[in-house]
Amino acid sequence: MNVAQSESRPDQKKFFHFWRCFWLVFLVVSLASAWYCYYVPSNPSNSVAWAESYAAAQPQAAQNGKPIILFFTGKWCVPCRIMKRDVWADEQVAATVNAAFLPVMIDVADPNAAEVMRLYGVGASPNVTVIDSQGNVLQQRHGGMRKAELLDLLAALNPSAAN
């Protein structure tokens, strides 16, 4: 072994060690991020008073005159999980929704939900559709929403509920 070869080996070991550490940190951060995206509290509905079904909410809405919020979701849907954790679990959102709306969570994988999805043109989740007591669409948003976006949507429909 000559002198040039022995001097280059420590540099190669440092280079290899750097990349090994880099990929290890990358893996840990990626796994933590994936876990955070899929994590939903054990009771994602918290204090939102979800109706049992769309069919059960319709007569209540007609009787109370409240609009219905349809939240189309799926167990496999990452943006849905994030909304359940960050938006629907928020106390301000829960208070606003419970005061002026009838919320219904609809699983898009449920065969019984196919008719409601067809009726309101829902092809993907998450989807938030607000309808009046007669079933007419007042607002519809496709994709994930943040707390502020949902509160703005609800305030536009019912300004007194925004407080």
Protein backbone atom coordinates (compact mmCIF):
# COMPACT_ATOMS: atom_id res chain seq x y z
CA MET A 1 0.00 0.00 0.00
CA ASN A 2 1.47 3.36 -0.89
CA VAL A 3 1.12 6.69 0.96
CA ALA A 4 -1.49 8.18 -1.43
CA GLN A 5 -3.87 5.25 -0.90
CA SER A 6 -3.60 5.35 2.90
CA GLU A 7 -4.27 9.11 3.00
CA SER A 8 -7.43 8.86 0.84
CA ARG A 9 -9.09 6.20 3.02
CA PRO A 10 -9.90 8.46 6.01
CA ASP A 11 -11.59 10.92 3.64
CA GLN A 12 -13.63 8.09 2.12
CA LYS A 13 -14.69 6.89 5.58
CA LYS A 14 -15.80 10.41 6.56
CA PHE A 15 -17.72 10.75 3.30
CA PHE A 16 -19.39 7.37 3.79
CA HIS A 17 -20.21 8.17 7.44
CA PHE A 18 -21.79 11.50 6.43
CA TRP A 19 -24.11 9.88 3.91
CA ARG A 20 -25.02 7.05 6.24
CA CYS A 21 -26.03 9.60 8.90
CA PHE A 22 -27.87 11.72 6.34
CA TRP A 23 -30.03 8.81 5.12
CA LEU A 24 -30.69 7.62 8.65
CA VAL A 25 -31.94 11.07 9.67
CA PHE A 26 -33.98 11.30 6.46
CA LEU A 27 -35.61 7.94 7.22
CA VAL A 28 -36.49 8.93 10.80
CA VAL A 29 -37.96 12.27 9.72
CA SER A 30 -39.95 10.63 6.91
CA LEU A 31 -41.40 8.00 9.24
CA ALA A 32 -42.30 10.62 11.84
CA SER A 33 -44.01 12.72 9.18
CA ALA A 34 -45.96 9.73 7.86
CA TRP A 35 -47.07 8.79 11.38
CA TYR A 36 -48.20 12.36 12.05
CA CYS A 37 -50.23 12.43 8.82
CA TYR A 38 -52.02 9.18 9.65
CA TYR A 39 -52.51 9.88 13.35
CA VAL A 40 -56.04 10.77 14.40
CA PRO A 41 -57.10 11.04 18.04
CA SER A 42 -59.12 8.12 19.36
CA ASN A 43 -62.23 10.32 19.34
CA PRO A 44 -61.82 12.47 16.23
CA SER A 45 -65.28 13.95 16.48
CA ASN A 46 -64.56 15.42 19.94
CA SER A 47 -67.49 17.66 20.76
CA VAL A 48 -69.01 17.97 17.28
CA ALA A 49 -72.53 16.53 17.50
CA TRP A 50 -72.41 14.31 14.39
CA ALA A 51 -75.75 12.96 13.20
CA GLU A 52 -75.95 9.20 12.80
CA SER A 53 -76.68 9.38 9.09
CA TYR A 54 -77.86 11.62 6.27
CA ALA A 55 -81.34 10.07 6.50
CA ALA A 56 -81.51 10.87 10.22
CA ALA A 57 -80.33 14.47 9.69
CA GLN A 58 -82.91 15.36 7.02
CA PRO A 59 -85.99 15.41 9.30
CA GLN A 60 -84.05 17.22 12.02
CA ALA A 61 -82.96 19.88 9.55
CA ALA A 62 -86.52 20.33 8.27
CA GLN A 63 -87.80 20.65 11.82
CA ASN A 64 -85.05 23.03 13.05
CA GLY A 65 -84.48 24.91 9.81
CA LYS A 66 -80.72 24.37 10.15
CA PRO A 67 -78.43 23.68 7.19
CA ILE A 68 -76.68 20.31 7.03
CA ILE A 69 -72.90 19.95 6.74
CA LEU A 70 -71.94 16.79 4.87
CA PHE A 71 -68.33 15.77 5.47
CA PHE A 72 -67.38 13.04 2.99
CA THR A 73 -64.38 11.15 4.32
CA GLY A 74 -62.53 7.84 4.12
CA LYS A 75 -60.40 5.85 6.55
CA TRP A 76 -57.57 5.75 3.99
CA CYS A 77 -57.74 9.49 3.19
CA VAL A 78 -54.77 11.40 4.65
CA PRO A 79 -56.23 14.92 4.16
CA CYS A 80 -59.42 13.66 5.84
CA ARG A 81 -57.42 12.45 8.82
CA ILE A 82 -55.64 15.77 9.05
CA MET A 83 -58.98 17.61 8.97
CA LYS A 84 -60.38 15.33 11.69
CA ARG A 85 -57.35 16.01 13.86
CA ASP A 86 -56.77 19.71 13.20
CA VAL A 87 -60.15 21.13 12.13
CA TRP A 88 -63.07 19.08 13.43
CA ALA A 89 -61.39 18.52 16.82
CA ASP A 90 -61.06 22.28 17.38
CA GLU A 91 -63.37 23.67 20.06
CA GLN A 92 -64.21 26.83 18.09
CA VAL A 93 -65.21 24.78 15.06
CA ALA A 94 -67.27 22.44 17.24
CA ALA A 95 -69.09 25.33 18.91
CA THR A 96 -69.82 27.02 15.57
CA VAL A 97 -71.02 23.83 13.91
CA ASN A 98 -73.15 22.68 16.85
CA ALA A 99 -74.80 26.10 17.20
CA ALA A 100 -76.05 26.59 13.66
CA PHE A 101 -75.65 23.39 11.61
CA LEU A 102 -76.39 19.68 11.60
CA PRO A 103 -73.13 17.86 10.77
CA VAL A 104 -73.06 14.44 9.12
CA MET A 105 -69.86 12.43 8.57
CA ILE A 106 -70.22 10.14 5.54
CA ASP A 107 -67.73 7.37 4.80
CA VAL A 108 -67.22 7.22 1.02
CA ALA A 109 -66.42 3.50 1.25
CA ASP A 110 -69.85 2.74 2.72
CA PRO A 111 -72.15 1.27 0.04
CA ASN A 112 -75.11 3.05 1.68
CA ALA A 113 -73.43 6.40 0.92
CA ALA A 114 -73.38 5.89 -2.85
CA GLU A 115 -76.75 7.55 -3.42
CA VAL A 116 -75.84 10.65 -1.39
CA MET A 117 -72.49 10.89 -3.17
CA ARG A 118 -74.20 10.68 -6.56
CA LEU A 119 -76.82 13.22 -5.52
CA TYR A 120 -74.19 15.83 -4.59
CA GLY A 121 -71.58 14.95 -7.22
CA VAL A 122 -68.93 13.77 -4.79
CA GLY A 123 -66.19 11.79 -6.47
CA ALA A 124 -63.37 12.12 -3.97
CA SER A 125 -62.71 12.92 -0.36
CA PRO A 126 -62.40 15.06 1.63
CA ASN A 127 -65.41 17.02 0.56
CA VAL A 128 -67.46 19.46 2.63
CA THR A 129 -70.93 20.14 1.26
CA VAL A 130 -73.37 22.43 3.03
CA ILE A 131 -77.02 21.98 2.08
CA ASP A 132 -80.23 23.60 3.24
CA SER A 133 -83.05 21.65 4.90
CA GLN A 134 -84.56 20.88 1.45
CA GLY A 135 -81.28 19.39 0.16
CA ASN A 136 -80.18 22.30 -2.06
CA VAL A 137 -76.43 22.86 -2.15
CA LEU A 138 -75.39 26.13 -0.50
CA GLN A 139 -71.60 25.59 -0.61
CA GLN A 140 -69.30 22.77 -1.70
CA ARG A 141 -65.56 22.50 -1.20
CA HIS A 142 -63.38 19.71 -2.53
CA GLY A 143 -60.10 18.85 -0.84
CA GLY A 144 -58.67 19.45 2.59
CA MET A 145 -59.42 22.64 4.48
CA ARG A 146 -57.83 24.42 7.38
CA LYS A 147 -59.71 25.67 10.42
CA ALA A 148 -59.81 29.27 9.17
CA GLU A 149 -61.15 28.20 5.75
CA LEU A 150 -63.95 26.17 7.30
CA LEU A 151 -64.88 28.95 9.72
CA ASP A 152 -64.94 31.46 6.83
CA LEU A 153 -67.18 29.12 4.83
CA LEU A 154 -69.57 28.72 7.75
CA ALA A 155 -69.54 32.45 8.53
CA ALA A 156 -70.49 33.24 4.92
CA LEU A 157 -73.52 30.98 5.27
CA ASN A 158 -74.51 32.06 8.77
CA PRO A 159 -72.79 35.27 9.99
CA SER A 160 -74.24 34.91 13.49
CA ALA A 161 -72.54 31.52 13.90
CA ALA A 162 -69.04 32.93 13.36
CA ASN A 163 -68.74 34.35 16.87
